[in-house]
Amino acid sequence: RIRGSLLEALLAFFILLLFSFAMSW
């Protein structure tokens, strides 16, 4: 479950996709 705020969850997904983009390179 996501127990943090919506803003924190969106930041988490942003960090995850930023890491994904970096690993793609």
PDBML (XML) file of the C-alpha atoms, coordinates in Angstrom:
<?xml version="1.0" encoding="UTF-8" ?>
<PDBx:datablock datablockName="MODEL"
   xmlns:PDBx="http://pdbml.pdb.org/schema/pdbx-v50.xsd"
   xmlns:xsi="http://www.w3.org/2001/XMLSchema-instance"
   xsi:schemaLocation="http://pdbml.pdb.org/schema/pdbx-v50.xsd pdbx-v50.xsd">
   <PDBx:atom_siteCategory>
      <PDBx:atom_site id="1">
         <PDBx:B_iso_or_equiv>0.00</PDBx:B_iso_or_equiv>
         <PDBx:Cartn_x>0.000</PDBx:Cartn_x>
         <PDBx:Cartn_y>0.000</PDBx:Cartn_y>
         <PDBx:Cartn_z>0.000</PDBx:Cartn_z>
         <PDBx:auth_asym_id>A</PDBx:auth_asym_id>
         <PDBx:auth_atom_id>CA</PDBx:auth_atom_id>
         <PDBx:auth_comp_id>ARG</PDBx:auth_comp_id>
         <PDBx:auth_seq_id>1</PDBx:auth_seq_id>
         <PDBx:group_PDB>ATOM</PDBx:group_PDB>
         <PDBx:label_alt_id xsi:nil="true" />
         <PDBx:label_asym_id>A</PDBx:label_asym_id>
         <PDBx:label_atom_id>CA</PDBx:label_atom_id>
         <PDBx:label_comp_id>ARG</PDBx:label_comp_id>
         <PDBx:label_entity_id>1</PDBx:label_entity_id>
         <PDBx:label_seq_id>1</PDBx:label_seq_id>
         <PDBx:occupancy>1.00</PDBx:occupancy>
         <PDBx:pdbx_PDB_model_num>1</PDBx:pdbx_PDB_model_num>
         <PDBx:type_symbol>C</PDBx:type_symbol>
      </PDBx:atom_site>
      <PDBx:atom_site id="2">
         <PDBx:B_iso_or_equiv>0.00</PDBx:B_iso_or_equiv>
         <PDBx:Cartn_x>1.032</PDBx:Cartn_x>
         <PDBx:Cartn_y>3.618</PDBx:Cartn_y>
         <PDBx:Cartn_z>-0.581</PDBx:Cartn_z>
         <PDBx:auth_asym_id>A</PDBx:auth_asym_id>
         <PDBx:auth_atom_id>CA</PDBx:auth_atom_id>
         <PDBx:auth_comp_id>ILE</PDBx:auth_comp_id>
         <PDBx:auth_seq_id>2</PDBx:auth_seq_id>
         <PDBx:group_PDB>ATOM</PDBx:group_PDB>
         <PDBx:label_alt_id xsi:nil="true" />
         <PDBx:label_asym_id>A</PDBx:label_asym_id>
         <PDBx:label_atom_id>CA</PDBx:label_atom_id>
         <PDBx:label_comp_id>ILE</PDBx:label_comp_id>
         <PDBx:label_entity_id>1</PDBx:label_entity_id>
         <PDBx:label_seq_id>2</PDBx:label_seq_id>
         <PDBx:occupancy>1.00</PDBx:occupancy>
         <PDBx:pdbx_PDB_model_num>1</PDBx:pdbx_PDB_model_num>
         <PDBx:type_symbol>C</PDBx:type_symbol>
      </PDBx:atom_site>
      <PDBx:atom_site id="3">
         <PDBx:B_iso_or_equiv>0.00</PDBx:B_iso_or_equiv>
         <PDBx:Cartn_x>0.830</PDBx:Cartn_x>
         <PDBx:Cartn_y>5.161</PDBx:Cartn_y>
         <PDBx:Cartn_z>2.888</PDBx:Cartn_z>
         <PDBx:auth_asym_id>A</PDBx:auth_asym_id>
         <PDBx:auth_atom_id>CA</PDBx:auth_atom_id>
         <PDBx:auth_comp_id>ARG</PDBx:auth_comp_id>
         <PDBx:auth_seq_id>3</PDBx:auth_seq_id>
         <PDBx:group_PDB>ATOM</PDBx:group_PDB>
         <PDBx:label_alt_id xsi:nil="true" />
         <PDBx:label_asym_id>A</PDBx:label_asym_id>
         <PDBx:label_atom_id>CA</PDBx:label_atom_id>
         <PDBx:label_comp_id>ARG</PDBx:label_comp_id>
         <PDBx:label_entity_id>1</PDBx:label_entity_id>
         <PDBx:label_seq_id>3</PDBx:label_seq_id>
         <PDBx:occupancy>1.00</PDBx:occupancy>
         <PDBx:pdbx_PDB_model_num>1</PDBx:pdbx_PDB_model_num>
         <PDBx:type_symbol>C</PDBx:type_symbol>
      </PDBx:atom_site>
      <PDBx:atom_site id="4">
         <PDBx:B_iso_or_equiv>0.00</PDBx:B_iso_or_equiv>
         <PDBx:Cartn_x>2.441</PDBx:Cartn_x>
         <PDBx:Cartn_y>8.504</PDBx:Cartn_y>
         <PDBx:Cartn_z>2.097</PDBx:Cartn_z>
         <PDBx:auth_asym_id>A</PDBx:auth_asym_id>
         <PDBx:auth_atom_id>CA</PDBx:auth_atom_id>
         <PDBx:auth_comp_id>GLY</PDBx:auth_comp_id>
         <PDBx:auth_seq_id>4</PDBx:auth_seq_id>
         <PDBx:group_PDB>ATOM</PDBx:group_PDB>
         <PDBx:label_alt_id xsi:nil="true" />
         <PDBx:label_asym_id>A</PDBx:label_asym_id>
         <PDBx:label_atom_id>CA</PDBx:label_atom_id>
         <PDBx:label_comp_id>GLY</PDBx:label_comp_id>
         <PDBx:label_entity_id>1</PDBx:label_entity_id>
         <PDBx:label_seq_id>4</PDBx:label_seq_id>
         <PDBx:occupancy>1.00</PDBx:occupancy>
         <PDBx:pdbx_PDB_model_num>1</PDBx:pdbx_PDB_model_num>
         <PDBx:type_symbol>C</PDBx:type_symbol>
      </PDBx:atom_site>
      <PDBx:atom_site id="5">
         <PDBx:B_iso_or_equiv>0.00</PDBx:B_iso_or_equiv>
         <PDBx:Cartn_x>0.882</PDBx:Cartn_x>
         <PDBx:Cartn_y>11.552</PDBx:Cartn_y>
         <PDBx:Cartn_z>0.472</PDBx:Cartn_z>
         <PDBx:auth_asym_id>A</PDBx:auth_asym_id>
         <PDBx:auth_atom_id>CA</PDBx:auth_atom_id>
         <PDBx:auth_comp_id>SER</PDBx:auth_comp_id>
         <PDBx:auth_seq_id>5</PDBx:auth_seq_id>
         <PDBx:group_PDB>ATOM</PDBx:group_PDB>
         <PDBx:label_alt_id xsi:nil="true" />
         <PDBx:label_asym_id>A</PDBx:label_asym_id>
         <PDBx:label_atom_id>CA</PDBx:label_atom_id>
         <PDBx:label_comp_id>SER</PDBx:label_comp_id>
         <PDBx:label_entity_id>1</PDBx:label_entity_id>
         <PDBx:label_seq_id>5</PDBx:label_seq_id>
         <PDBx:occupancy>1.00</PDBx:occupancy>
         <PDBx:pdbx_PDB_model_num>1</PDBx:pdbx_PDB_model_num>
         <PDBx:type_symbol>C</PDBx:type_symbol>
      </PDBx:atom_site>
      <PDBx:atom_site id="6">
         <PDBx:B_iso_or_equiv>0.00</PDBx:B_iso_or_equiv>
         <PDBx:Cartn_x>-0.026</PDBx:Cartn_x>
         <PDBx:Cartn_y>11.806</PDBx:Cartn_y>
         <PDBx:Cartn_z>-3.203</PDBx:Cartn_z>
         <PDBx:auth_asym_id>A</PDBx:auth_asym_id>
         <PDBx:auth_atom_id>CA</PDBx:auth_atom_id>
         <PDBx:auth_comp_id>LEU</PDBx:auth_comp_id>
         <PDBx:auth_seq_id>6</PDBx:auth_seq_id>
         <PDBx:group_PDB>ATOM</PDBx:group_PDB>
         <PDBx:label_alt_id xsi:nil="true" />
         <PDBx:label_asym_id>A</PDBx:label_asym_id>
         <PDBx:label_atom_id>CA</PDBx:label_atom_id>
         <PDBx:label_comp_id>LEU</PDBx:label_comp_id>
         <PDBx:label_entity_id>1</PDBx:label_entity_id>
         <PDBx:label_seq_id>6</PDBx:label_seq_id>
         <PDBx:occupancy>1.00</PDBx:occupancy>
         <PDBx:pdbx_PDB_model_num>1</PDBx:pdbx_PDB_model_num>
         <PDBx:type_symbol>C</PDBx:type_symbol>
      </PDBx:atom_site>
      <PDBx:atom_site id="7">
         <PDBx:B_iso_or_equiv>0.00</PDBx:B_iso_or_equiv>
         <PDBx:Cartn_x>2.824</PDBx:Cartn_x>
         <PDBx:Cartn_y>14.268</PDBx:Cartn_y>
         <PDBx:Cartn_z>-3.812</PDBx:Cartn_z>
         <PDBx:auth_asym_id>A</PDBx:auth_asym_id>
         <PDBx:auth_atom_id>CA</PDBx:auth_atom_id>
         <PDBx:auth_comp_id>LEU</PDBx:auth_comp_id>
         <PDBx:auth_seq_id>7</PDBx:auth_seq_id>
         <PDBx:group_PDB>ATOM</PDBx:group_PDB>
         <PDBx:label_alt_id xsi:nil="true" />
         <PDBx:label_asym_id>A</PDBx:label_asym_id>
         <PDBx:label_atom_id>CA</PDBx:label_atom_id>
         <PDBx:label_comp_id>LEU</PDBx:label_comp_id>
         <PDBx:label_entity_id>1</PDBx:label_entity_id>
         <PDBx:label_seq_id>7</PDBx:label_seq_id>
         <PDBx:occupancy>1.00</PDBx:occupancy>
         <PDBx:pdbx_PDB_model_num>1</PDBx:pdbx_PDB_model_num>
         <PDBx:type_symbol>C</PDBx:type_symbol>
      </PDBx:atom_site>
      <PDBx:atom_site id="8">
         <PDBx:B_iso_or_equiv>0.00</PDBx:B_iso_or_equiv>
         <PDBx:Cartn_x>5.332</PDBx:Cartn_x>
         <PDBx:Cartn_y>11.898</PDBx:Cartn_y>
         <PDBx:Cartn_z>-2.203</PDBx:Cartn_z>
         <PDBx:auth_asym_id>A</PDBx:auth_asym_id>
         <PDBx:auth_atom_id>CA</PDBx:auth_atom_id>
         <PDBx:auth_comp_id>GLU</PDBx:auth_comp_id>
         <PDBx:auth_seq_id>8</PDBx:auth_seq_id>
         <PDBx:group_PDB>ATOM</PDBx:group_PDB>
         <PDBx:label_alt_id xsi:nil="true" />
         <PDBx:label_asym_id>A</PDBx:label_asym_id>
         <PDBx:label_atom_id>CA</PDBx:label_atom_id>
         <PDBx:label_comp_id>GLU</PDBx:label_comp_id>
         <PDBx:label_entity_id>1</PDBx:label_entity_id>
         <PDBx:label_seq_id>8</PDBx:label_seq_id>
         <PDBx:occupancy>1.00</PDBx:occupancy>
         <PDBx:pdbx_PDB_model_num>1</PDBx:pdbx_PDB_model_num>
         <PDBx:type_symbol>C</PDBx:type_symbol>
      </PDBx:atom_site>
      <PDBx:atom_site id="9">
         <PDBx:B_iso_or_equiv>0.00</PDBx:B_iso_or_equiv>
         <PDBx:Cartn_x>4.027</PDBx:Cartn_x>
         <PDBx:Cartn_y>8.996</PDBx:Cartn_y>
         <PDBx:Cartn_z>-4.290</PDBx:Cartn_z>
         <PDBx:auth_asym_id>A</PDBx:auth_asym_id>
         <PDBx:auth_atom_id>CA</PDBx:auth_atom_id>
         <PDBx:auth_comp_id>ALA</PDBx:auth_comp_id>
         <PDBx:auth_seq_id>9</PDBx:auth_seq_id>
         <PDBx:group_PDB>ATOM</PDBx:group_PDB>
         <PDBx:label_alt_id xsi:nil="true" />
         <PDBx:label_asym_id>A</PDBx:label_asym_id>
         <PDBx:label_atom_id>CA</PDBx:label_atom_id>
         <PDBx:label_comp_id>ALA</PDBx:label_comp_id>
         <PDBx:label_entity_id>1</PDBx:label_entity_id>
         <PDBx:label_seq_id>9</PDBx:label_seq_id>
         <PDBx:occupancy>1.00</PDBx:occupancy>
         <PDBx:pdbx_PDB_model_num>1</PDBx:pdbx_PDB_model_num>
         <PDBx:type_symbol>C</PDBx:type_symbol>
      </PDBx:atom_site>
      <PDBx:atom_site id="10">
         <PDBx:B_iso_or_equiv>0.00</PDBx:B_iso_or_equiv>
         <PDBx:Cartn_x>4.367</PDBx:Cartn_x>
         <PDBx:Cartn_y>11.015</PDBx:Cartn_y>
         <PDBx:Cartn_z>-7.498</PDBx:Cartn_z>
         <PDBx:auth_asym_id>A</PDBx:auth_asym_id>
         <PDBx:auth_atom_id>CA</PDBx:auth_atom_id>
         <PDBx:auth_comp_id>LEU</PDBx:auth_comp_id>
         <PDBx:auth_seq_id>10</PDBx:auth_seq_id>
         <PDBx:group_PDB>ATOM</PDBx:group_PDB>
         <PDBx:label_alt_id xsi:nil="true" />
         <PDBx:label_asym_id>A</PDBx:label_asym_id>
         <PDBx:label_atom_id>CA</PDBx:label_atom_id>
         <PDBx:label_comp_id>LEU</PDBx:label_comp_id>
         <PDBx:label_entity_id>1</PDBx:label_entity_id>
         <PDBx:label_seq_id>10</PDBx:label_seq_id>
         <PDBx:occupancy>1.00</PDBx:occupancy>
         <PDBx:pdbx_PDB_model_num>1</PDBx:pdbx_PDB_model_num>
         <PDBx:type_symbol>C</PDBx:type_symbol>
      </PDBx:atom_site>
      <PDBx:atom_site id="11">
         <PDBx:B_iso_or_equiv>0.00</PDBx:B_iso_or_equiv>
         <PDBx:Cartn_x>7.917</PDBx:Cartn_x>
         <PDBx:Cartn_y>11.960</PDBx:Cartn_y>
         <PDBx:Cartn_z>-6.526</PDBx:Cartn_z>
         <PDBx:auth_asym_id>A</PDBx:auth_asym_id>
         <PDBx:auth_atom_id>CA</PDBx:auth_atom_id>
         <PDBx:auth_comp_id>LEU</PDBx:auth_comp_id>
         <PDBx:auth_seq_id>11</PDBx:auth_seq_id>
         <PDBx:group_PDB>ATOM</PDBx:group_PDB>
         <PDBx:label_alt_id xsi:nil="true" />
         <PDBx:label_asym_id>A</PDBx:label_asym_id>
         <PDBx:label_atom_id>CA</PDBx:label_atom_id>
         <PDBx:label_comp_id>LEU</PDBx:label_comp_id>
         <PDBx:label_entity_id>1</PDBx:label_entity_id>
         <PDBx:label_seq_id>11</PDBx:label_seq_id>
         <PDBx:occupancy>1.00</PDBx:occupancy>
         <PDBx:pdbx_PDB_model_num>1</PDBx:pdbx_PDB_model_num>
         <PDBx:type_symbol>C</PDBx:type_symbol>
      </PDBx:atom_site>
      <PDBx:atom_site id="12">
         <PDBx:B_iso_or_equiv>0.00</PDBx:B_iso_or_equiv>
         <PDBx:Cartn_x>8.674</PDBx:Cartn_x>
         <PDBx:Cartn_y>8.290</PDBx:Cartn_y>
         <PDBx:Cartn_z>-5.914</PDBx:Cartn_z>
         <PDBx:auth_asym_id>A</PDBx:auth_asym_id>
         <PDBx:auth_atom_id>CA</PDBx:auth_atom_id>
         <PDBx:auth_comp_id>ALA</PDBx:auth_comp_id>
         <PDBx:auth_seq_id>12</PDBx:auth_seq_id>
         <PDBx:group_PDB>ATOM</PDBx:group_PDB>
         <PDBx:label_alt_id xsi:nil="true" />
         <PDBx:label_asym_id>A</PDBx:label_asym_id>
         <PDBx:label_atom_id>CA</PDBx:label_atom_id>
         <PDBx:label_comp_id>ALA</PDBx:label_comp_id>
         <PDBx:label_entity_id>1</PDBx:label_entity_id>
         <PDBx:label_seq_id>12</PDBx:label_seq_id>
         <PDBx:occupancy>1.00</PDBx:occupancy>
         <PDBx:pdbx_PDB_model_num>1</PDBx:pdbx_PDB_model_num>
         <PDBx:type_symbol>C</PDBx:type_symbol>
      </PDBx:atom_site>
      <PDBx:atom_site id="13">
         <PDBx:B_iso_or_equiv>0.00</PDBx:B_iso_or_equiv>
         <PDBx:Cartn_x>7.446</PDBx:Cartn_x>
         <PDBx:Cartn_y>7.305</PDBx:Cartn_y>
         <PDBx:Cartn_z>-9.381</PDBx:Cartn_z>
         <PDBx:auth_asym_id>A</PDBx:auth_asym_id>
         <PDBx:auth_atom_id>CA</PDBx:auth_atom_id>
         <PDBx:auth_comp_id>PHE</PDBx:auth_comp_id>
         <PDBx:auth_seq_id>13</PDBx:auth_seq_id>
         <PDBx:group_PDB>ATOM</PDBx:group_PDB>
         <PDBx:label_alt_id xsi:nil="true" />
         <PDBx:label_asym_id>A</PDBx:label_asym_id>
         <PDBx:label_atom_id>CA</PDBx:label_atom_id>
         <PDBx:label_comp_id>PHE</PDBx:label_comp_id>
         <PDBx:label_entity_id>1</PDBx:label_entity_id>
         <PDBx:label_seq_id>13</PDBx:label_seq_id>
         <PDBx:occupancy>1.00</PDBx:occupancy>
         <PDBx:pdbx_PDB_model_num>1</PDBx:pdbx_PDB_model_num>
         <PDBx:type_symbol>C</PDBx:type_symbol>
      </PDBx:atom_site>
      <PDBx:atom_site id="14">
         <PDBx:B_iso_or_equiv>0.00</PDBx:B_iso_or_equiv>
         <PDBx:Cartn_x>9.435</PDBx:Cartn_x>
         <PDBx:Cartn_y>10.175</PDBx:Cartn_y>
         <PDBx:Cartn_z>-10.895</PDBx:Cartn_z>
         <PDBx:auth_asym_id>A</PDBx:auth_asym_id>
         <PDBx:auth_atom_id>CA</PDBx:auth_atom_id>
         <PDBx:auth_comp_id>PHE</PDBx:auth_comp_id>
         <PDBx:auth_seq_id>14</PDBx:auth_seq_id>
         <PDBx:group_PDB>ATOM</PDBx:group_PDB>
         <PDBx:label_alt_id xsi:nil="true" />
         <PDBx:label_asym_id>A</PDBx:label_asym_id>
         <PDBx:label_atom_id>CA</PDBx:label_atom_id>
         <PDBx:label_comp_id>PHE</PDBx:label_comp_id>
         <PDBx:label_entity_id>1</PDBx:label_entity_id>
         <PDBx:label_seq_id>14</PDBx:label_seq_id>
         <PDBx:occupancy>1.00</PDBx:occupancy>
         <PDBx:pdbx_PDB_model_num>1</PDBx:pdbx_PDB_model_num>
         <PDBx:type_symbol>C</PDBx:type_symbol>
      </PDBx:atom_site>
      <PDBx:atom_site id="15">
         <PDBx:B_iso_or_equiv>0.00</PDBx:B_iso_or_equiv>
         <PDBx:Cartn_x>12.635</PDBx:Cartn_x>
         <PDBx:Cartn_y>8.953</PDBx:Cartn_y>
         <PDBx:Cartn_z>-9.178</PDBx:Cartn_z>
         <PDBx:auth_asym_id>A</PDBx:auth_asym_id>
         <PDBx:auth_atom_id>CA</PDBx:auth_atom_id>
         <PDBx:auth_comp_id>ILE</PDBx:auth_comp_id>
         <PDBx:auth_seq_id>15</PDBx:auth_seq_id>
         <PDBx:group_PDB>ATOM</PDBx:group_PDB>
         <PDBx:label_alt_id xsi:nil="true" />
         <PDBx:label_asym_id>A</PDBx:label_asym_id>
         <PDBx:label_atom_id>CA</PDBx:label_atom_id>
         <PDBx:label_comp_id>ILE</PDBx:label_comp_id>
         <PDBx:label_entity_id>1</PDBx:label_entity_id>
         <PDBx:label_seq_id>15</PDBx:label_seq_id>
         <PDBx:occupancy>1.00</PDBx:occupancy>
         <PDBx:pdbx_PDB_model_num>1</PDBx:pdbx_PDB_model_num>
         <PDBx:type_symbol>C</PDBx:type_symbol>
      </PDBx:atom_site>
      <PDBx:atom_site id="16">
         <PDBx:B_iso_or_equiv>0.00</PDBx:B_iso_or_equiv>
         <PDBx:Cartn_x>11.936</PDBx:Cartn_x>
         <PDBx:Cartn_y>5.415</PDBx:Cartn_y>
         <PDBx:Cartn_z>-10.366</PDBx:Cartn_z>
         <PDBx:auth_asym_id>A</PDBx:auth_asym_id>
         <PDBx:auth_atom_id>CA</PDBx:auth_atom_id>
         <PDBx:auth_comp_id>LEU</PDBx:auth_comp_id>
         <PDBx:auth_seq_id>16</PDBx:auth_seq_id>
         <PDBx:group_PDB>ATOM</PDBx:group_PDB>
         <PDBx:label_alt_id xsi:nil="true" />
         <PDBx:label_asym_id>A</PDBx:label_asym_id>
         <PDBx:label_atom_id>CA</PDBx:label_atom_id>
         <PDBx:label_comp_id>LEU</PDBx:label_comp_id>
         <PDBx:label_entity_id>1</PDBx:label_entity_id>
         <PDBx:label_seq_id>16</PDBx:label_seq_id>
         <PDBx:occupancy>1.00</PDBx:occupancy>
         <PDBx:pdbx_PDB_model_num>1</PDBx:pdbx_PDB_model_num>
         <PDBx:type_symbol>C</PDBx:type_symbol>
      </PDBx:atom_site>
      <PDBx:atom_site id="17">
         <PDBx:B_iso_or_equiv>0.00</PDBx:B_iso_or_equiv>
         <PDBx:Cartn_x>11.485</PDBx:Cartn_x>
         <PDBx:Cartn_y>6.488</PDBx:Cartn_y>
         <PDBx:Cartn_z>-13.999</PDBx:Cartn_z>
         <PDBx:auth_asym_id>A</PDBx:auth_asym_id>
         <PDBx:auth_atom_id>CA</PDBx:auth_atom_id>
         <PDBx:auth_comp_id>LEU</PDBx:auth_comp_id>
         <PDBx:auth_seq_id>17</PDBx:auth_seq_id>
         <PDBx:group_PDB>ATOM</PDBx:group_PDB>
         <PDBx:label_alt_id xsi:nil="true" />
         <PDBx:label_asym_id>A</PDBx:label_asym_id>
         <PDBx:label_atom_id>CA</PDBx:label_atom_id>
         <PDBx:label_comp_id>LEU</PDBx:label_comp_id>
         <PDBx:label_entity_id>1</PDBx:label_entity_id>
         <PDBx:label_seq_id>17</PDBx:label_seq_id>
         <PDBx:occupancy>1.00</PDBx:occupancy>
         <PDBx:pdbx_PDB_model_num>1</PDBx:pdbx_PDB_model_num>
         <PDBx:type_symbol>C</PDBx:type_symbol>
      </PDBx:atom_site>
      <PDBx:atom_site id="18">
         <PDBx:B_iso_or_equiv>0.00</PDBx:B_iso_or_equiv>
         <PDBx:Cartn_x>14.525</PDBx:Cartn_x>
         <PDBx:Cartn_y>8.781</PDBx:Cartn_y>
         <PDBx:Cartn_z>-13.837</PDBx:Cartn_z>
         <PDBx:auth_asym_id>A</PDBx:auth_asym_id>
         <PDBx:auth_atom_id>CA</PDBx:auth_atom_id>
         <PDBx:auth_comp_id>LEU</PDBx:auth_comp_id>
         <PDBx:auth_seq_id>18</PDBx:auth_seq_id>
         <PDBx:group_PDB>ATOM</PDBx:group_PDB>
         <PDBx:label_alt_id xsi:nil="true" />
         <PDBx:label_asym_id>A</PDBx:label_asym_id>
         <PDBx:label_atom_id>CA</PDBx:label_atom_id>
         <PDBx:label_comp_id>LEU</PDBx:label_comp_id>
         <PDBx:label_entity_id>1</PDBx:label_entity_id>
         <PDBx:label_seq_id>18</PDBx:label_seq_id>
         <PDBx:occupancy>1.00</PDBx:occupancy>
         <PDBx:pdbx_PDB_model_num>1</PDBx:pdbx_PDB_model_num>
         <PDBx:type_symbol>C</PDBx:type_symbol>
      </PDBx:atom_site>
      <PDBx:atom_site id="19">
         <PDBx:B_iso_or_equiv>0.00</PDBx:B_iso_or_equiv>
         <PDBx:Cartn_x>16.560</PDBx:Cartn_x>
         <PDBx:Cartn_y>5.807</PDBx:Cartn_y>
         <PDBx:Cartn_z>-12.649</PDBx:Cartn_z>
         <PDBx:auth_asym_id>A</PDBx:auth_asym_id>
         <PDBx:auth_atom_id>CA</PDBx:auth_atom_id>
         <PDBx:auth_comp_id>PHE</PDBx:auth_comp_id>
         <PDBx:auth_seq_id>19</PDBx:auth_seq_id>
         <PDBx:group_PDB>ATOM</PDBx:group_PDB>
         <PDBx:label_alt_id xsi:nil="true" />
         <PDBx:label_asym_id>A</PDBx:label_asym_id>
         <PDBx:label_atom_id>CA</PDBx:label_atom_id>
         <PDBx:label_comp_id>PHE</PDBx:label_comp_id>
         <PDBx:label_entity_id>1</PDBx:label_entity_id>
         <PDBx:label_seq_id>19</PDBx:label_seq_id>
         <PDBx:occupancy>1.00</PDBx:occupancy>
         <PDBx:pdbx_PDB_model_num>1</PDBx:pdbx_PDB_model_num>
         <PDBx:type_symbol>C</PDBx:type_symbol>
      </PDBx:atom_site>
      <PDBx:atom_site id="20">
         <PDBx:B_iso_or_equiv>0.00</PDBx:B_iso_or_equiv>
         <PDBx:Cartn_x>15.063</PDBx:Cartn_x>
         <PDBx:Cartn_y>3.698</PDBx:Cartn_y>
         <PDBx:Cartn_z>-15.456</PDBx:Cartn_z>
         <PDBx:auth_asym_id>A</PDBx:auth_asym_id>
         <PDBx:auth_atom_id>CA</PDBx:auth_atom_id>
         <PDBx:auth_comp_id>SER</PDBx:auth_comp_id>
         <PDBx:auth_seq_id>20</PDBx:auth_seq_id>
         <PDBx:group_PDB>ATOM</PDBx:group_PDB>
         <PDBx:label_alt_id xsi:nil="true" />
         <PDBx:label_asym_id>A</PDBx:label_asym_id>
         <PDBx:label_atom_id>CA</PDBx:label_atom_id>
         <PDBx:label_comp_id>SER</PDBx:label_comp_id>
         <PDBx:label_entity_id>1</PDBx:label_entity_id>
         <PDBx:label_seq_id>20</PDBx:label_seq_id>
         <PDBx:occupancy>1.00</PDBx:occupancy>
         <PDBx:pdbx_PDB_model_num>1</PDBx:pdbx_PDB_model_num>
         <PDBx:type_symbol>C</PDBx:type_symbol>
      </PDBx:atom_site>
      <PDBx:atom_site id="21">
         <PDBx:B_iso_or_equiv>0.00</PDBx:B_iso_or_equiv>
         <PDBx:Cartn_x>16.078</PDBx:Cartn_x>
         <PDBx:Cartn_y>6.308</PDBx:Cartn_y>
         <PDBx:Cartn_z>-18.045</PDBx:Cartn_z>
         <PDBx:auth_asym_id>A</PDBx:auth_asym_id>
         <PDBx:auth_atom_id>CA</PDBx:auth_atom_id>
         <PDBx:auth_comp_id>PHE</PDBx:auth_comp_id>
         <PDBx:auth_seq_id>21</PDBx:auth_seq_id>
         <PDBx:group_PDB>ATOM</PDBx:group_PDB>
         <PDBx:label_alt_id xsi:nil="true" />
         <PDBx:label_asym_id>A</PDBx:label_asym_id>
         <PDBx:label_atom_id>CA</PDBx:label_atom_id>
         <PDBx:label_comp_id>PHE</PDBx:label_comp_id>
         <PDBx:label_entity_id>1</PDBx:label_entity_id>
         <PDBx:label_seq_id>21</PDBx:label_seq_id>
         <PDBx:occupancy>1.00</PDBx:occupancy>
         <PDBx:pdbx_PDB_model_num>1</PDBx:pdbx_PDB_model_num>
         <PDBx:type_symbol>C</PDBx:type_symbol>
      </PDBx:atom_site>
      <PDBx:atom_site id="22">
         <PDBx:B_iso_or_equiv>0.00</PDBx:B_iso_or_equiv>
         <PDBx:Cartn_x>19.607</PDBx:Cartn_x>
         <PDBx:Cartn_y>6.439</PDBx:Cartn_y>
         <PDBx:Cartn_z>-16.637</PDBx:Cartn_z>
         <PDBx:auth_asym_id>A</PDBx:auth_asym_id>
         <PDBx:auth_atom_id>CA</PDBx:auth_atom_id>
         <PDBx:auth_comp_id>ALA</PDBx:auth_comp_id>
         <PDBx:auth_seq_id>22</PDBx:auth_seq_id>
         <PDBx:group_PDB>ATOM</PDBx:group_PDB>
         <PDBx:label_alt_id xsi:nil="true" />
         <PDBx:label_asym_id>A</PDBx:label_asym_id>
         <PDBx:label_atom_id>CA</PDBx:label_atom_id>
         <PDBx:label_comp_id>ALA</PDBx:label_comp_id>
         <PDBx:label_entity_id>1</PDBx:label_entity_id>
         <PDBx:label_seq_id>22</PDBx:label_seq_id>
         <PDBx:occupancy>1.00</PDBx:occupancy>
         <PDBx:pdbx_PDB_model_num>1</PDBx:pdbx_PDB_model_num>
         <PDBx:type_symbol>C</PDBx:type_symbol>
      </PDBx:atom_site>
      <PDBx:atom_site id="23">
         <PDBx:B_iso_or_equiv>0.00</PDBx:B_iso_or_equiv>
         <PDBx:Cartn_x>19.934</PDBx:Cartn_x>
         <PDBx:Cartn_y>2.653</PDBx:Cartn_y>
         <PDBx:Cartn_z>-16.747</PDBx:Cartn_z>
         <PDBx:auth_asym_id>A</PDBx:auth_asym_id>
         <PDBx:auth_atom_id>CA</PDBx:auth_atom_id>
         <PDBx:auth_comp_id>MET</PDBx:auth_comp_id>
         <PDBx:auth_seq_id>23</PDBx:auth_seq_id>
         <PDBx:group_PDB>ATOM</PDBx:group_PDB>
         <PDBx:label_alt_id xsi:nil="true" />
         <PDBx:label_asym_id>A</PDBx:label_asym_id>
         <PDBx:label_atom_id>CA</PDBx:label_atom_id>
         <PDBx:label_comp_id>MET</PDBx:label_comp_id>
         <PDBx:label_entity_id>1</PDBx:label_entity_id>
         <PDBx:label_seq_id>23</PDBx:label_seq_id>
         <PDBx:occupancy>1.00</PDBx:occupancy>
         <PDBx:pdbx_PDB_model_num>1</PDBx:pdbx_PDB_model_num>
         <PDBx:type_symbol>C</PDBx:type_symbol>
      </PDBx:atom_site>
      <PDBx:atom_site id="24">
         <PDBx:B_iso_or_equiv>0.00</PDBx:B_iso_or_equiv>
         <PDBx:Cartn_x>18.764</PDBx:Cartn_x>
         <PDBx:Cartn_y>2.676</PDBx:Cartn_y>
         <PDBx:Cartn_z>-20.371</PDBx:Cartn_z>
         <PDBx:auth_asym_id>A</PDBx:auth_asym_id>
         <PDBx:auth_atom_id>CA</PDBx:auth_atom_id>
         <PDBx:auth_comp_id>SER</PDBx:auth_comp_id>
         <PDBx:auth_seq_id>24</PDBx:auth_seq_id>
         <PDBx:group_PDB>ATOM</PDBx:group_PDB>
         <PDBx:label_alt_id xsi:nil="true" />
         <PDBx:label_asym_id>A</PDBx:label_asym_id>
         <PDBx:label_atom_id>CA</PDBx:label_atom_id>
         <PDBx:label_comp_id>SER</PDBx:label_comp_id>
         <PDBx:label_entity_id>1</PDBx:label_entity_id>
         <PDBx:label_seq_id>24</PDBx:label_seq_id>
         <PDBx:occupancy>1.00</PDBx:occupancy>
         <PDBx:pdbx_PDB_model_num>1</PDBx:pdbx_PDB_model_num>
         <PDBx:type_symbol>C</PDBx:type_symbol>
      </PDBx:atom_site>
      <PDBx:atom_site id="25">
         <PDBx:B_iso_or_equiv>0.00</PDBx:B_iso_or_equiv>
         <PDBx:Cartn_x>21.800</PDBx:Cartn_x>
         <PDBx:Cartn_y>4.758</PDBx:Cartn_y>
         <PDBx:Cartn_z>-21.287</PDBx:Cartn_z>
         <PDBx:auth_asym_id>A</PDBx:auth_asym_id>
         <PDBx:auth_atom_id>CA</PDBx:auth_atom_id>
         <PDBx:auth_comp_id>TRP</PDBx:auth_comp_id>
         <PDBx:auth_seq_id>25</PDBx:auth_seq_id>
         <PDBx:group_PDB>ATOM</PDBx:group_PDB>
         <PDBx:label_alt_id xsi:nil="true" />
         <PDBx:label_asym_id>A</PDBx:label_asym_id>
         <PDBx:label_atom_id>CA</PDBx:label_atom_id>
         <PDBx:label_comp_id>TRP</PDBx:label_comp_id>
         <PDBx:label_entity_id>1</PDBx:label_entity_id>
         <PDBx:label_seq_id>25</PDBx:label_seq_id>
         <PDBx:occupancy>1.00</PDBx:occupancy>
         <PDBx:pdbx_PDB_model_num>1</PDBx:pdbx_PDB_model_num>
         <PDBx:type_symbol>C</PDBx:type_symbol>
      </PDBx:atom_site>
   </PDBx:atom_siteCategory>
</PDBx:datablock>
